[in-house]
Amino acid sequence: MKVTQMFRRRFARVTVGLLLLALTGIAAAEPPASGRFDLRSVETRLVDDVYRLDAIARLELSPRARDALEGGIALVIALEVEILRERAWWLDAEVATVRRRLRLERHELSQQYIVINLSTGERRSFHRPRTALDFIGRGLDFPIIDAVVIDDPERYYGRARMRLEREALPWALRPAALAFGDWRLQTGWVTWSFD
């Protein structure tokens, strides 16, 4: 009886190991993803003693992400902003980190694409996914930091990026999202100065 249990455990471990190895091999052999996030411009402006960010991005979902959205899976896309202070003899200090998270989902009954701001609860509806993605790609008038914090604007700079939050996907979809490259949708960091 003990031998049978040991055999089952070993068989289960070997099976899981081979499955993970196969998934890794599939991901490595996969062609580059056709989806793409491109952050085209980032600007800040001072309004009522608050720096506000205007960011424009072009968001193209990969076929897998598009199929998931059409199948009822909500996608969370985040605009991440970091404010840093330059230091002469050490790494730059992170002063603030701000995220704007928007969830894109498809409402089956109305055939609408709904964008929900996860911070404010604000909802917007669109007839086409392209229009919804264009709306998400326009991070306009986003407050990022009070001017009081930035004492010497020449020593501060910011950087921003947009990305699909794979960790916000349902648990059942996360292994595939980690294994396949077309779920890694994000822009590179775009840097700007405050002076």
C-alpha atoms as a PDB file:
ATOM      1  CA  MET A   1       0.000   0.000   0.000  1.00  0.00           C
ATOM      2  CA  LYS A   2       2.825   2.447   0.853  1.00  0.00           C
ATOM      3  CA  VAL A   3       4.607   1.669  -2.399  1.00  0.00           C
ATOM      4  CA  THR A   4       1.460   2.573  -4.368  1.00  0.00           C
ATOM      5  CA  GLN A   5       1.142   5.938  -2.587  1.00  0.00           C
ATOM      6  CA  MET A   6       4.823   6.740  -3.193  1.00  0.00           C
ATOM      7  CA  PHE A   7       4.430   5.814  -6.847  1.00  0.00           C
ATOM      8  CA  ARG A   8       1.368   8.067  -7.213  1.00  0.00           C
ATOM      9  CA  ARG A   9       3.148  11.021  -5.608  1.00  0.00           C
ATOM     10  CA  ARG A  10       6.228  10.575  -7.754  1.00  0.00           C
ATOM     11  CA  PHE A  11       4.072  10.160 -10.877  1.00  0.00           C
ATOM     12  CA  ALA A  12       2.152  13.361 -10.010  1.00  0.00           C
ATOM     13  CA  ARG A  13       5.403  15.311  -9.505  1.00  0.00           C
ATOM     14  CA  VAL A  14       6.877  14.072 -12.763  1.00  0.00           C
ATOM     15  CA  THR A  15       3.659  14.851 -14.631  1.00  0.00           C
ATOM     16  CA  VAL A  16       3.497  18.403 -13.244  1.00  0.00           C
ATOM     17  CA  GLY A  17       7.179  18.928 -14.031  1.00  0.00           C
ATOM     18  CA  LEU A  18       6.747  17.750 -17.618  1.00  0.00           C
ATOM     19  CA  LEU A  19       3.669  19.925 -18.047  1.00  0.00           C
ATOM     20  CA  LEU A  20       5.559  23.006 -16.835  1.00  0.00           C
ATOM     21  CA  LEU A  21       8.485  22.144 -19.085  1.00  0.00           C
ATOM     22  CA  ALA A  22       6.153  21.789 -22.060  1.00  0.00           C
ATOM     23  CA  LEU A  23       4.492  25.136 -21.283  1.00  0.00           C
ATOM     24  CA  THR A  24       7.895  26.806 -21.088  1.00  0.00           C
ATOM     25  CA  GLY A  25       8.892  25.277 -24.419  1.00  0.00           C
ATOM     26  CA  ILE A  26       5.677  26.448 -26.050  1.00  0.00           C
ATOM     27  CA  ALA A  27       6.190  29.976 -24.722  1.00  0.00           C
ATOM     28  CA  ALA A  28       9.793  30.069 -25.952  1.00  0.00           C
ATOM     29  CA  ALA A  29       8.830  28.816 -29.431  1.00  0.00           C
ATOM     30  CA  GLU A  30       5.982  31.296 -29.747  1.00  0.00           C
ATOM     31  CA  PRO A  31       6.414  34.116 -32.273  1.00  0.00           C
ATOM     32  CA  PRO A  32       6.500  37.680 -30.946  1.00  0.00           C
ATOM     33  CA  ALA A  33       3.188  39.030 -29.699  1.00  0.00           C
ATOM     34  CA  SER A  34       1.142  41.062 -32.136  1.00  0.00           C
ATOM     35  CA  GLY A  35      -0.336  43.247 -29.406  1.00  0.00           C
ATOM     36  CA  ARG A  36       1.526  46.396 -28.446  1.00  0.00           C
ATOM     37  CA  PHE A  37       1.341  49.290 -26.009  1.00  0.00           C
ATOM     38  CA  ASP A  38       3.100  52.483 -27.123  1.00  0.00           C
ATOM     39  CA  LEU A  39       3.302  55.562 -24.879  1.00  0.00           C
ATOM     40  CA  ARG A  40       3.624  58.384 -27.386  1.00  0.00           C
ATOM     41  CA  SER A  41       3.745  61.507 -25.238  1.00  0.00           C
ATOM     42  CA  VAL A  42       3.860  62.539 -21.600  1.00  0.00           C
ATOM     43  CA  GLU A  43       3.591  66.112 -20.358  1.00  0.00           C
ATOM     44  CA  THR A  44       2.993  67.749 -17.004  1.00  0.00           C
ATOM     45  CA  ARG A  45       1.516  71.116 -16.205  1.00  0.00           C
ATOM     46  CA  LEU A  46       0.952  73.021 -12.981  1.00  0.00           C
ATOM     47  CA  VAL A  47      -2.714  73.782 -12.229  1.00  0.00           C
ATOM     48  CA  ASP A  48      -3.786  75.199  -8.849  1.00  0.00           C
ATOM     49  CA  ASP A  49      -0.533  74.052  -7.184  1.00  0.00           C
ATOM     50  CA  VAL A  50      -0.933  70.475  -8.405  1.00  0.00           C
ATOM     51  CA  TYR A  51       1.103  68.903 -11.171  1.00  0.00           C
ATOM     52  CA  ARG A  52      -1.193  67.183 -13.637  1.00  0.00           C
ATOM     53  CA  LEU A  53      -0.140  64.598 -16.202  1.00  0.00           C
ATOM     54  CA  ASP A  54      -1.312  64.314 -19.790  1.00  0.00           C
ATOM     55  CA  ALA A  55      -0.288  61.019 -21.390  1.00  0.00           C
ATOM     56  CA  ILE A  56      -1.229  59.657 -24.798  1.00  0.00           C
ATOM     57  CA  ALA A  57      -0.722  56.006 -25.681  1.00  0.00           C
ATOM     58  CA  ARG A  58      -1.697  53.682 -28.507  1.00  0.00           C
ATOM     59  CA  LEU A  59      -2.991  50.405 -27.076  1.00  0.00           C
ATOM     60  CA  GLU A  60      -3.290  47.297 -29.251  1.00  0.00           C
ATOM     61  CA  LEU A  61      -4.411  44.091 -27.581  1.00  0.00           C
ATOM     62  CA  SER A  62      -2.878  40.777 -28.584  1.00  0.00           C
ATOM     63  CA  PRO A  63      -5.196  38.132 -30.076  1.00  0.00           C
ATOM     64  CA  ARG A  64      -5.286  36.203 -26.774  1.00  0.00           C
ATOM     65  CA  ALA A  65      -6.122  39.310 -24.753  1.00  0.00           C
ATOM     66  CA  ARG A  66      -8.771  40.313 -27.318  1.00  0.00           C
ATOM     67  CA  ASP A  67     -10.314  36.815 -27.199  1.00  0.00           C
ATOM     68  CA  ALA A  68     -10.343  36.920 -23.400  1.00  0.00           C
ATOM     69  CA  LEU A  69     -12.088  40.309 -23.447  1.00  0.00           C
ATOM     70  CA  GLU A  70     -14.666  39.070 -25.968  1.00  0.00           C
ATOM     71  CA  GLY A  71     -15.162  35.979 -23.794  1.00  0.00           C
ATOM     72  CA  GLY A  72     -16.073  38.038 -20.737  1.00  0.00           C
ATOM     73  CA  ILE A  73     -12.708  38.420 -18.990  1.00  0.00           C
ATOM     74  CA  ALA A  74     -12.099  41.923 -17.613  1.00  0.00           C
ATOM     75  CA  LEU A  75      -8.709  43.480 -18.368  1.00  0.00           C
ATOM     76  CA  VAL A  76      -7.062  46.006 -16.052  1.00  0.00           C
ATOM     77  CA  ILE A  77      -4.752  48.549 -17.682  1.00  0.00           C
ATOM     78  CA  ALA A  78      -2.652  50.762 -15.416  1.00  0.00           C
ATOM     79  CA  LEU A  79      -0.899  54.064 -15.972  1.00  0.00           C
ATOM     80  CA  GLU A  80       2.021  54.007 -13.517  1.00  0.00           C
ATOM     81  CA  VAL A  81       3.840  57.228 -12.610  1.00  0.00           C
ATOM     82  CA  GLU A  82       6.975  57.609 -10.489  1.00  0.00           C
ATOM     83  CA  ILE A  83       8.372  60.940  -9.283  1.00  0.00           C
ATOM     84  CA  LEU A  84      12.102  60.862  -8.491  1.00  0.00           C
ATOM     85  CA  ARG A  85      14.627  63.290  -7.048  1.00  0.00           C
ATOM     86  CA  GLU A  86      18.165  63.297  -8.437  1.00  0.00           C
ATOM     87  CA  ARG A  87      20.948  62.748  -5.914  1.00  0.00           C
ATOM     88  CA  ALA A  88      24.594  63.360  -6.662  1.00  0.00           C
ATOM     89  CA  TRP A  89      26.269  60.489  -4.815  1.00  0.00           C
ATOM     90  CA  TRP A  90      23.503  57.914  -4.469  1.00  0.00           C
ATOM     91  CA  LEU A  91      20.635  56.360  -6.374  1.00  0.00           C
ATOM     92  CA  ASP A  92      17.778  58.720  -7.169  1.00  0.00           C
ATOM     93  CA  ALA A  93      15.159  58.907  -4.421  1.00  0.00           C
ATOM     94  CA  GLU A  94      11.598  57.870  -5.185  1.00  0.00           C
ATOM     95  CA  VAL A  95       9.367  60.689  -3.954  1.00  0.00           C
ATOM     96  CA  ALA A  96       5.950  59.412  -5.050  1.00  0.00           C
ATOM     97  CA  THR A  97       4.284  56.626  -6.986  1.00  0.00           C
ATOM     98  CA  VAL A  98       0.829  57.061  -8.476  1.00  0.00           C
ATOM     99  CA  ARG A  99      -1.285  54.583 -10.451  1.00  0.00           C
ATOM    100  CA  ARG A 100      -4.417  55.075 -12.474  1.00  0.00           C
ATOM    101  CA  ARG A 101      -6.096  51.695 -12.962  1.00  0.00           C
ATOM    102  CA  LEU A 102      -8.871  51.253 -15.503  1.00  0.00           C
ATOM    103  CA  ARG A 103     -10.812  48.034 -15.997  1.00  0.00           C
ATOM    104  CA  LEU A 104     -12.085  47.214 -19.474  1.00  0.00           C
ATOM    105  CA  GLU A 105     -14.905  44.715 -19.707  1.00  0.00           C
ATOM    106  CA  ARG A 106     -17.494  43.634 -22.221  1.00  0.00           C
ATOM    107  CA  HIS A 107     -21.142  43.675 -21.200  1.00  0.00           C
ATOM    108  CA  GLU A 108     -22.694  40.711 -22.953  1.00  0.00           C
ATOM    109  CA  LEU A 109     -26.325  41.820 -22.893  1.00  0.00           C
ATOM    110  CA  SER A 110     -25.830  45.351 -24.220  1.00  0.00           C
ATOM    111  CA  GLN A 111     -22.794  44.486 -26.391  1.00  0.00           C
ATOM    112  CA  GLN A 112     -21.054  47.529 -24.859  1.00  0.00           C
ATOM    113  CA  TYR A 113     -17.455  47.888 -23.726  1.00  0.00           C
ATOM    114  CA  ILE A 114     -17.307  49.449 -20.281  1.00  0.00           C
ATOM    115  CA  VAL A 115     -14.300  51.264 -18.813  1.00  0.00           C
ATOM    116  CA  ILE A 116     -14.321  51.609 -15.023  1.00  0.00           C
ATOM    117  CA  ASN A 117     -11.889  53.817 -13.118  1.00  0.00           C
ATOM    118  CA  LEU A 118     -11.004  51.596 -10.159  1.00  0.00           C
ATOM    119  CA  SER A 119     -10.128  54.599  -7.950  1.00  0.00           C
ATOM    120  CA  THR A 120     -13.247  56.693  -8.484  1.00  0.00           C
ATOM    121  CA  GLY A 121     -15.805  54.159  -9.715  1.00  0.00           C
ATOM    122  CA  GLU A 122     -16.540  56.332 -12.755  1.00  0.00           C
ATOM    123  CA  ARG A 123     -17.920  54.307 -15.683  1.00  0.00           C
ATOM    124  CA  ARG A 124     -17.912  55.019 -19.411  1.00  0.00           C
ATOM    125  CA  SER A 125     -19.546  52.886 -22.134  1.00  0.00           C
ATOM    126  CA  PHE A 126     -18.373  52.434 -25.713  1.00  0.00           C
ATOM    127  CA  HIS A 127     -19.756  50.602 -28.738  1.00  0.00           C
ATOM    128  CA  ARG A 128     -16.383  49.373 -30.010  1.00  0.00           C
ATOM    129  CA  PRO A 129     -13.289  48.057 -28.235  1.00  0.00           C
ATOM    130  CA  ARG A 130     -11.051  50.374 -30.293  1.00  0.00           C
ATOM    131  CA  THR A 131     -12.868  53.435 -28.935  1.00  0.00           C
ATOM    132  CA  ALA A 132     -12.600  52.132 -25.367  1.00  0.00           C
ATOM    133  CA  LEU A 133      -8.853  51.486 -25.776  1.00  0.00           C
ATOM    134  CA  ASP A 134      -8.364  54.983 -27.234  1.00  0.00           C
ATOM    135  CA  PHE A 135     -10.121  56.433 -24.177  1.00  0.00           C
ATOM    136  CA  ILE A 136      -7.884  54.419 -21.815  1.00  0.00           C
ATOM    137  CA  GLY A 137      -4.808  55.535 -23.755  1.00  0.00           C
ATOM    138  CA  ARG A 138      -5.592  59.179 -23.084  1.00  0.00           C
ATOM    139  CA  GLY A 139      -4.536  59.780 -19.483  1.00  0.00           C
ATOM    140  CA  LEU A 140      -5.521  63.440 -19.500  1.00  0.00           C
ATOM    141  CA  ASP A 141      -5.571  65.780 -16.508  1.00  0.00           C
ATOM    142  CA  PHE A 142      -4.393  63.118 -14.058  1.00  0.00           C
ATOM    143  CA  PRO A 143      -3.211  64.720 -10.759  1.00  0.00           C
ATOM    144  CA  ILE A 144       0.161  63.272  -9.755  1.00  0.00           C
ATOM    145  CA  ILE A 145       1.782  65.429  -7.037  1.00  0.00           C
ATOM    146  CA  ASP A 146       1.391  68.703  -5.121  1.00  0.00           C
ATOM    147  CA  ALA A 147       3.775  71.466  -6.101  1.00  0.00           C
ATOM    148  CA  VAL A 148       4.755  71.899  -2.422  1.00  0.00           C
ATOM    149  CA  VAL A 149       6.567  68.542  -2.517  1.00  0.00           C
ATOM    150  CA  ILE A 150       8.760  69.595  -5.436  1.00  0.00           C
ATOM    151  CA  ASP A 151      10.910  72.290  -3.831  1.00  0.00           C
ATOM    152  CA  ASP A 152      13.512  72.556  -6.615  1.00  0.00           C
ATOM    153  CA  PRO A 153      11.991  71.469  -9.971  1.00  0.00           C
ATOM    154  CA  GLU A 154      15.412  71.136 -11.607  1.00  0.00           C
ATOM    155  CA  ARG A 155      16.277  68.211  -9.283  1.00  0.00           C
ATOM    156  CA  TYR A 156      13.079  66.260  -9.962  1.00  0.00           C
ATOM    157  CA  TYR A 157      11.927  64.166 -12.865  1.00  0.00           C
ATOM    158  CA  GLY A 158       9.114  61.752 -13.537  1.00  0.00           C
ATOM    159  CA  ARG A 159       8.621  58.598 -15.520  1.00  0.00           C
ATOM    160  CA  ALA A 160       5.491  56.856 -16.688  1.00  0.00           C
ATOM    161  CA  ARG A 161       4.420  53.649 -18.375  1.00  0.00           C
ATOM    162  CA  MET A 162       1.211  51.820 -19.226  1.00  0.00           C
ATOM    163  CA  ARG A 163       0.747  48.099 -18.778  1.00  0.00           C
ATOM    164  CA  LEU A 164      -1.789  45.316 -18.748  1.00  0.00           C
ATOM    165  CA  GLU A 165      -1.949  43.987 -15.185  1.00  0.00           C
ATOM    166  CA  ARG A 166      -1.561  40.249 -15.593  1.00  0.00           C
ATOM    167  CA  GLU A 167      -1.911  39.803 -11.834  1.00  0.00           C
ATOM    168  CA  ALA A 168      -5.483  41.168 -12.077  1.00  0.00           C
ATOM    169  CA  LEU A 169      -6.556  38.315 -14.380  1.00  0.00           C
ATOM    170  CA  PRO A 170      -8.587  35.401 -12.980  1.00  0.00           C
ATOM    171  CA  TRP A 171      -6.491  32.707 -11.293  1.00  0.00           C
ATOM    172  CA  ALA A 172      -7.228  30.142 -14.002  1.00  0.00           C
ATOM    173  CA  LEU A 173      -5.795  32.412 -16.694  1.00  0.00           C
ATOM    174  CA  ARG A 174      -2.654  33.581 -14.865  1.00  0.00           C
ATOM    175  CA  PRO A 175      -0.359  30.634 -15.737  1.00  0.00           C
ATOM    176  CA  ALA A 176      -1.030  31.155 -19.446  1.00  0.00           C
ATOM    177  CA  ALA A 177      -0.584  34.915 -19.037  1.00  0.00           C
ATOM    178  CA  LEU A 178       2.819  34.336 -17.453  1.00  0.00           C
ATOM    179  CA  ALA A 179       3.880  31.695 -19.980  1.00  0.00           C
ATOM    180  CA  PHE A 180       2.842  33.343 -23.234  1.00  0.00           C
ATOM    181  CA  GLY A 181       4.531  36.509 -24.451  1.00  0.00           C
ATOM    182  CA  ASP A 182       1.450  38.084 -25.976  1.00  0.00           C
ATOM    183  CA  TRP A 183       0.099  38.800 -22.477  1.00  0.00           C
ATOM    184  CA  ARG A 184       3.152  40.974 -21.658  1.00  0.00           C
ATOM    185  CA  LEU A 185       1.655  44.202 -22.893  1.00  0.00           C
ATOM    186  CA  GLN A 186       3.413  47.289 -21.565  1.00  0.00           C
ATOM    187  CA  THR A 187       5.207  50.380 -22.708  1.00  0.00           C
ATOM    188  CA  GLY A 188       8.736  51.257 -21.745  1.00  0.00           C
ATOM    189  CA  TRP A 189       9.303  54.002 -19.208  1.00  0.00           C
ATOM    190  CA  VAL A 190       8.978  57.518 -20.656  1.00  0.00           C
ATOM    191  CA  THR A 191      10.847  60.189 -18.695  1.00  0.00           C
ATOM    192  CA  TRP A 192      10.207  63.934 -18.383  1.00  0.00           C
ATOM    193  CA  SER A 193      11.532  66.805 -16.255  1.00  0.00           C
ATOM    194  CA  PHE A 194       9.651  69.337 -14.115  1.00  0.00           C
ATOM    195  CA  ASP A 195      11.715  72.408 -15.029  1.00  0.00           C
END
